[in-house]
C-alpha atoms as a PDB file:
ATOM      1  CA  UNK A   1      84.811   7.706 -86.785  1.00  0.00           C
ATOM      2  CA  UNK A   2      85.882   6.124 -83.565  1.00  0.00           C
ATOM      3  CA  UNK A   3      83.114   6.105 -80.924  1.00  0.00           C
ATOM      4  CA  UNK A   4      85.596   7.230 -78.248  1.00  0.00           C
ATOM      5  CA  UNK A   5      86.381  10.434 -80.168  1.00  0.00           C
ATOM      6  CA  UNK A   6      82.695  11.381 -80.376  1.00  0.00           C
ATOM      7  CA  UNK A   7      82.094  10.789 -76.671  1.00  0.00           C
ATOM      8  CA  UNK A   8      85.195  12.346 -75.129  1.00  0.00           C
ATOM      9  CA  UNK A   9      85.985  15.283 -77.456  1.00  0.00           C
ATOM     10  CA  UNK A  10      88.544  17.573 -75.805  1.00  0.00           C
ATOM     11  CA  UNK A  11      89.646  14.797 -73.437  1.00  0.00           C
ATOM     12  CA  UNK A  12      91.492  13.419 -76.464  1.00  0.00           C
ATOM     13  CA  UNK A  13      93.465  16.607 -77.137  1.00  0.00           C
ATOM     14  CA  UNK A  14      97.069  15.576 -77.640  1.00  0.00           C
ATOM     15  CA  UNK A  15      96.034  11.973 -78.291  1.00  0.00           C
ATOM     16  CA  UNK A  16      93.686  11.997 -81.287  1.00  0.00           C
ATOM     17  CA  UNK A  17      95.031  13.900 -84.338  1.00  0.00           C
ATOM     18  CA  UNK A  18      91.548  15.049 -85.407  1.00  0.00           C
ATOM     19  CA  UNK A  19      90.521  16.409 -82.005  1.00  0.00           C
ATOM     20  CA  UNK A  20      93.925  18.026 -81.547  1.00  0.00           C
ATOM     21  CA  UNK A  21      93.837  19.745 -84.963  1.00  0.00           C
ATOM     22  CA  UNK A  22      90.231  20.887 -84.532  1.00  0.00           C
ATOM     23  CA  UNK A  23      91.067  22.413 -81.142  1.00  0.00           C
ATOM     24  CA  UNK A  24      94.145  24.250 -82.469  1.00  0.00           C
ATOM     25  CA  UNK A  25      92.263  25.624 -85.489  1.00  0.00           C
ATOM     26  CA  UNK A  26      89.076  26.536 -83.613  1.00  0.00           C
ATOM     27  CA  UNK A  27      89.567  30.272 -84.107  1.00  0.00           C
ATOM     28  CA  UNK A  28      87.580  31.651 -87.019  1.00  0.00           C
ATOM     29  CA  UNK A  29      90.682  33.304 -88.500  1.00  0.00           C
ATOM     30  CA  UNK A  30      93.395  30.731 -87.714  1.00  0.00           C
ATOM     31  CA  UNK A  31      93.596  29.146 -91.168  1.00  0.00           C
ATOM     32  CA  UNK A  32      93.605  32.522 -92.944  1.00  0.00           C
ATOM     33  CA  UNK A  33      96.376  33.820 -90.686  1.00  0.00           C
ATOM     34  CA  UNK A  34      98.489  30.712 -91.267  1.00  0.00           C
ATOM     35  CA  UNK A  35      97.866  31.055 -95.004  1.00  0.00           C
ATOM     36  CA  UNK A  36      99.044  34.683 -94.959  1.00  0.00           C
ATOM     37  CA  UNK A  37     102.240  33.664 -93.142  1.00  0.00           C
ATOM     38  CA  UNK A  38     102.978  30.671 -95.396  1.00  0.00           C
ATOM     39  CA  UNK A  39     105.162  32.711 -97.775  1.00  0.00           C
ATOM     40  CA  UNK A  40     107.223  34.365 -95.058  1.00  0.00           C
ATOM     41  CA  UNK A  41     107.110  36.882 -92.206  1.00  0.00           C
ATOM     42  CA  UNK A  42     104.385  39.547 -92.276  1.00  0.00           C
ATOM     43  CA  UNK A  43     104.040  42.673 -90.173  1.00  0.00           C
ATOM     44  CA  UNK A  44     100.986  43.151 -87.964  1.00  0.00           C
ATOM     45  CA  UNK A  45      99.487  46.032 -89.941  1.00  0.00           C
ATOM     46  CA  UNK A  46      99.975  44.169 -93.217  1.00  0.00           C
ATOM     47  CA  UNK A  47      98.098  41.164 -91.787  1.00  0.00           C
ATOM     48  CA  UNK A  48      95.374  43.524 -90.645  1.00  0.00           C
ATOM     49  CA  UNK A  49      95.074  44.957 -94.158  1.00  0.00           C
ATOM     50  CA  UNK A  50      95.128  41.564 -95.893  1.00  0.00           C
ATOM     51  CA  UNK A  51      92.572  39.846 -93.692  1.00  0.00           C
ATOM     52  CA  UNK A  52      90.351  42.857 -92.923  1.00  0.00           C
ATOM     53  CA  UNK A  53      89.387  41.983 -89.358  1.00  0.00           C
ATOM     54  CA  UNK A  54      89.270  44.024 -86.182  1.00  0.00           C
ATOM     55  CA  UNK A  55      92.652  44.853 -84.674  1.00  0.00           C
ATOM     56  CA  UNK A  56      91.751  43.276 -81.323  1.00  0.00           C
ATOM     57  CA  UNK A  57      90.538  40.088 -82.984  1.00  0.00           C
ATOM     58  CA  UNK A  58      93.756  39.753 -84.975  1.00  0.00           C
ATOM     59  CA  UNK A  59      95.834  40.448 -81.887  1.00  0.00           C
ATOM     60  CA  UNK A  60      93.994  37.766 -79.893  1.00  0.00           C
ATOM     61  CA  UNK A  61      94.287  35.188 -82.678  1.00  0.00           C
ATOM     62  CA  UNK A  62      98.013  35.881 -83.094  1.00  0.00           C
ATOM     63  CA  UNK A  63      98.583  35.498 -79.350  1.00  0.00           C
ATOM     64  CA  UNK A  64      96.665  32.213 -79.384  1.00  0.00           C
ATOM     65  CA  UNK A  65      98.600  30.821 -82.368  1.00  0.00           C
ATOM     66  CA  UNK A  66     101.855  31.923 -80.732  1.00  0.00           C
ATOM     67  CA  UNK A  67     100.934  30.173 -77.440  1.00  0.00           C
ATOM     68  CA  UNK A  68     100.140  27.020 -79.414  1.00  0.00           C
ATOM     69  CA  UNK A  69     103.574  27.142 -81.056  1.00  0.00           C
ATOM     70  CA  UNK A  70     102.427  27.635 -84.664  1.00  0.00           C
ATOM     71  CA  UNK A  71     103.782  31.157 -85.123  1.00  0.00           C
ATOM     72  CA  UNK A  72     106.420  33.348 -83.530  1.00  0.00           C
ATOM     73  CA  UNK A  73     106.505  37.073 -82.978  1.00  0.00           C
ATOM     74  CA  UNK A  74     109.636  39.091 -83.596  1.00  0.00           C
ATOM     75  CA  UNK A  75     110.001  42.676 -82.401  1.00  0.00           C
ATOM     76  CA  UNK A  76     112.505  44.949 -84.164  1.00  0.00           C
ATOM     77  CA  UNK A  77     113.564  47.886 -82.031  1.00  0.00           C
ATOM     78  CA  UNK A  78     116.127  49.549 -84.293  1.00  0.00           C
ATOM     79  CA  UNK A  79     114.647  52.568 -86.041  1.00  0.00           C
ATOM     80  CA  UNK A  80     110.871  52.497 -85.994  1.00  0.00           C
ATOM     81  CA  UNK A  81     109.450  49.778 -83.759  1.00  0.00           C
ATOM     82  CA  UNK A  82     107.942  47.008 -85.856  1.00  0.00           C
ATOM     83  CA  UNK A  83     106.582  43.537 -85.204  1.00  0.00           C
ATOM     84  CA  UNK A  84     106.610  40.613 -87.621  1.00  0.00           C
ATOM     85  CA  UNK A  85     104.935  37.250 -87.387  1.00  0.00           C
ATOM     86  CA  UNK A  86     106.181  34.075 -89.040  1.00  0.00           C
ATOM     87  CA  UNK A  87     105.500  30.360 -88.941  1.00  0.00           C
ATOM     88  CA  UNK A  88     107.516  28.222 -86.548  1.00  0.00           C
ATOM     89  CA  UNK A  89     108.967  24.915 -87.768  1.00  0.00           C
ATOM     90  CA  UNK A  90     105.779  23.063 -86.750  1.00  0.00           C
ATOM     91  CA  UNK A  91     103.716  25.851 -88.323  1.00  0.00           C
ATOM     92  CA  UNK A  92     105.695  25.422 -91.554  1.00  0.00           C
ATOM     93  CA  UNK A  93     104.500  21.818 -91.693  1.00  0.00           C
ATOM     94  CA  UNK A  94     100.940  23.164 -92.008  1.00  0.00           C
ATOM     95  CA  UNK A  95     101.718  24.358 -95.563  1.00  0.00           C
ATOM     96  CA  UNK A  96     100.820  20.963 -97.009  1.00  0.00           C
ATOM     97  CA  UNK A  97      97.484  21.144 -95.208  1.00  0.00           C
ATOM     98  CA  UNK A  98      96.886  24.629 -96.653  1.00  0.00           C
ATOM     99  CA  UNK A  99      97.643  23.310-100.138  1.00  0.00           C
ATOM    100  CA  UNK A 100      95.194  20.442 -99.645  1.00  0.00           C
ATOM    101  CA  UNK A 101      92.534  22.877 -98.365  1.00  0.00           C
ATOM    102  CA  UNK A 102      93.043  25.032-101.470  1.00  0.00           C
ATOM    103  CA  UNK A 103      92.651  22.071-103.833  1.00  0.00           C
ATOM    104  CA  UNK A 104      89.566  20.762-102.036  1.00  0.00           C
ATOM    105  CA  UNK A 105      88.093  24.263-101.681  1.00  0.00           C
ATOM    106  CA  UNK A 106      88.415  24.899-105.416  1.00  0.00           C
ATOM    107  CA  UNK A 107      86.830  21.526-106.180  1.00  0.00           C
ATOM    108  CA  UNK A 108      83.955  22.312-103.827  1.00  0.00           C
ATOM    109  CA  UNK A 109      83.468  25.746-105.405  1.00  0.00           C
ATOM    110  CA  UNK A 110      83.147  23.999-108.790  1.00  0.00           C
ATOM    111  CA  UNK A 111      80.684  21.548-107.244  1.00  0.00           C
ATOM    112  CA  UNK A 112      78.594  24.421-105.843  1.00  0.00           C
ATOM    113  CA  UNK A 113      78.275  25.964-109.293  1.00  0.00           C
ATOM    114  CA  UNK A 114      76.306  22.939-110.469  1.00  0.00           C
ATOM    115  CA  UNK A 115      74.830  21.790-107.135  1.00  0.00           C
ATOM    116  CA  UNK A 116      73.643  24.761-105.068  1.00  0.00           C
ATOM    117  CA  UNK A 117      73.590  24.048-101.356  1.00  0.00           C
ATOM    118  CA  UNK A 118      70.489  25.250 -99.532  1.00  0.00           C
ATOM    119  CA  UNK A 119      71.924  25.710 -96.043  1.00  0.00           C
ATOM    120  CA  UNK A 120      75.647  26.132 -95.442  1.00  0.00           C
ATOM    121  CA  UNK A 121      75.261  26.924 -91.730  1.00  0.00           C
ATOM    122  CA  UNK A 122      76.453  23.788 -89.896  1.00  0.00           C
ATOM    123  CA  UNK A 123      74.491  24.842 -86.805  1.00  0.00           C
ATOM    124  CA  UNK A 124      71.206  25.254 -88.578  1.00  0.00           C
END
């Protein structure tokens, strides 16, 4: 890895693709939310049910991803008020990343079955 990236970190946001992506996906739930939206718009309560996180946490993550331009929020006012979230065009481009994560994740799960890891906490 480039020495500059290690030293400057967030100073390279918008310049270095790795720093930029890490910053955008820093929320614990960001990848799971994007995954849930990859097949089309989903209503707030359905996301809440699928991901099983606190309502406030989901709300904050959705607002963050919306501010970053990865998702958009659509409010329907006819009949019963409802809100749907969907990927934006740049968010749609993340599908290939999700597919790669799925492939690698499945390969790593297979690896773990024969090579147990002692400590999966990156901080510890």
